[in-house]
Amino acid sequence: MTTPEENRPKTDTTDEVLTEKNASEAGTPNAGATGRTVKEALEEAGVSPEDFEEK
């Protein structure tokens, strides 16, 4: 069972709100996916089909 919003305890303070990321936290625009295929990504990660069970 859930507690209705109006019955939840209220907080007196809030956490610090971040408005923009530091350059070190933001990463580079090229971070993440690089347009490679799933096969290329799995090869780069060292994952092979033998690592999975057939069901």
C-alpha atoms as a PDB file:
ATOM      1  CA  MET A   1       0.000   0.000   0.000  1.00  0.00           C
ATOM      2  CA  THR A   2       1.296   3.466  -0.787  1.00  0.00           C
ATOM      3  CA  THR A   3       1.073   6.632   1.270  1.00  0.00           C
ATOM      4  CA  PRO A   4      -0.942   9.462  -0.265  1.00  0.00           C
ATOM      5  CA  GLU A   5       1.169  12.488  -1.161  1.00  0.00           C
ATOM      6  CA  GLU A   6      -0.565  14.754   1.348  1.00  0.00           C
ATOM      7  CA  ASN A   7       0.250  12.332   4.208  1.00  0.00           C
ATOM      8  CA  ARG A   8       3.971  12.007   3.467  1.00  0.00           C
ATOM      9  CA  PRO A   9       6.427  13.705   5.803  1.00  0.00           C
ATOM     10  CA  LYS A  10       7.670  17.020   4.448  1.00  0.00           C
ATOM     11  CA  THR A  11      11.339  17.975   4.360  1.00  0.00           C
ATOM     12  CA  ASP A  12      12.624  21.213   5.825  1.00  0.00           C
ATOM     13  CA  THR A  13      15.619  21.433   3.519  1.00  0.00           C
ATOM     14  CA  THR A  14      16.451  20.403  -0.008  1.00  0.00           C
ATOM     15  CA  ASP A  15      19.617  19.052  -1.518  1.00  0.00           C
ATOM     16  CA  GLU A  16      21.871  21.348  -3.490  1.00  0.00           C
ATOM     17  CA  VAL A  17      20.566  21.752  -7.026  1.00  0.00           C
ATOM     18  CA  LEU A  18      23.145  21.592  -9.783  1.00  0.00           C
ATOM     19  CA  THR A  19      22.466  23.902 -12.692  1.00  0.00           C
ATOM     20  CA  GLU A  20      25.359  22.998 -14.968  1.00  0.00           C
ATOM     21  CA  LYS A  21      27.955  20.253 -15.096  1.00  0.00           C
ATOM     22  CA  ASN A  22      31.663  20.703 -14.596  1.00  0.00           C
ATOM     23  CA  ALA A  23      33.717  20.062 -17.711  1.00  0.00           C
ATOM     24  CA  SER A  24      35.170  16.918 -16.119  1.00  0.00           C
ATOM     25  CA  GLU A  25      31.710  15.545 -15.266  1.00  0.00           C
ATOM     26  CA  ALA A  26      30.081  16.485 -18.549  1.00  0.00           C
ATOM     27  CA  GLY A  27      32.406  14.367 -20.669  1.00  0.00           C
ATOM     28  CA  THR A  28      33.096  15.128 -24.273  1.00  0.00           C
ATOM     29  CA  PRO A  29      30.506  15.337 -27.029  1.00  0.00           C
ATOM     30  CA  ASN A  30      31.984  12.131 -28.476  1.00  0.00           C
ATOM     31  CA  ALA A  31      31.614  10.169 -25.231  1.00  0.00           C
ATOM     32  CA  GLY A  32      29.306   7.171 -25.429  1.00  0.00           C
ATOM     33  CA  ALA A  33      28.034   5.619 -28.628  1.00  0.00           C
ATOM     34  CA  THR A  34      30.266   6.079 -31.627  1.00  0.00           C
ATOM     35  CA  GLY A  35      28.042   4.723 -34.386  1.00  0.00           C
ATOM     36  CA  ARG A  36      29.491   1.240 -34.264  1.00  0.00           C
ATOM     37  CA  THR A  37      27.359  -1.850 -34.751  1.00  0.00           C
ATOM     38  CA  VAL A  38      26.295  -4.147 -31.933  1.00  0.00           C
ATOM     39  CA  LYS A  39      28.703  -6.773 -33.267  1.00  0.00           C
ATOM     40  CA  GLU A  40      31.609  -4.309 -33.131  1.00  0.00           C
ATOM     41  CA  ALA A  41      30.667  -3.202 -29.617  1.00  0.00           C
ATOM     42  CA  LEU A  42      30.470  -6.804 -28.382  1.00  0.00           C
ATOM     43  CA  GLU A  43      33.837  -7.602 -29.959  1.00  0.00           C
ATOM     44  CA  GLU A  44      35.368  -4.534 -28.316  1.00  0.00           C
ATOM     45  CA  ALA A  45      33.923  -5.629 -24.947  1.00  0.00           C
ATOM     46  CA  GLY A  46      35.303  -9.141 -25.408  1.00  0.00           C
ATOM     47  CA  VAL A  47      31.861 -10.779 -25.405  1.00  0.00           C
ATOM     48  CA  SER A  48      31.306 -13.809 -27.603  1.00  0.00           C
ATOM     49  CA  PRO A  49      28.208 -15.866 -28.487  1.00  0.00           C
ATOM     50  CA  GLU A  50      29.559 -18.685 -26.289  1.00  0.00           C
ATOM     51  CA  ASP A  51      29.024 -16.415 -23.269  1.00  0.00           C
ATOM     52  CA  PHE A  52      25.239 -16.800 -23.647  1.00  0.00           C
ATOM     53  CA  GLU A  53      22.960 -19.779 -23.108  1.00  0.00           C
ATOM     54  CA  GLU A  54      20.466 -20.811 -25.782  1.00  0.00           C
ATOM     55  CA  LYS A  55      16.933 -21.156 -24.449  1.00  0.00           C
END
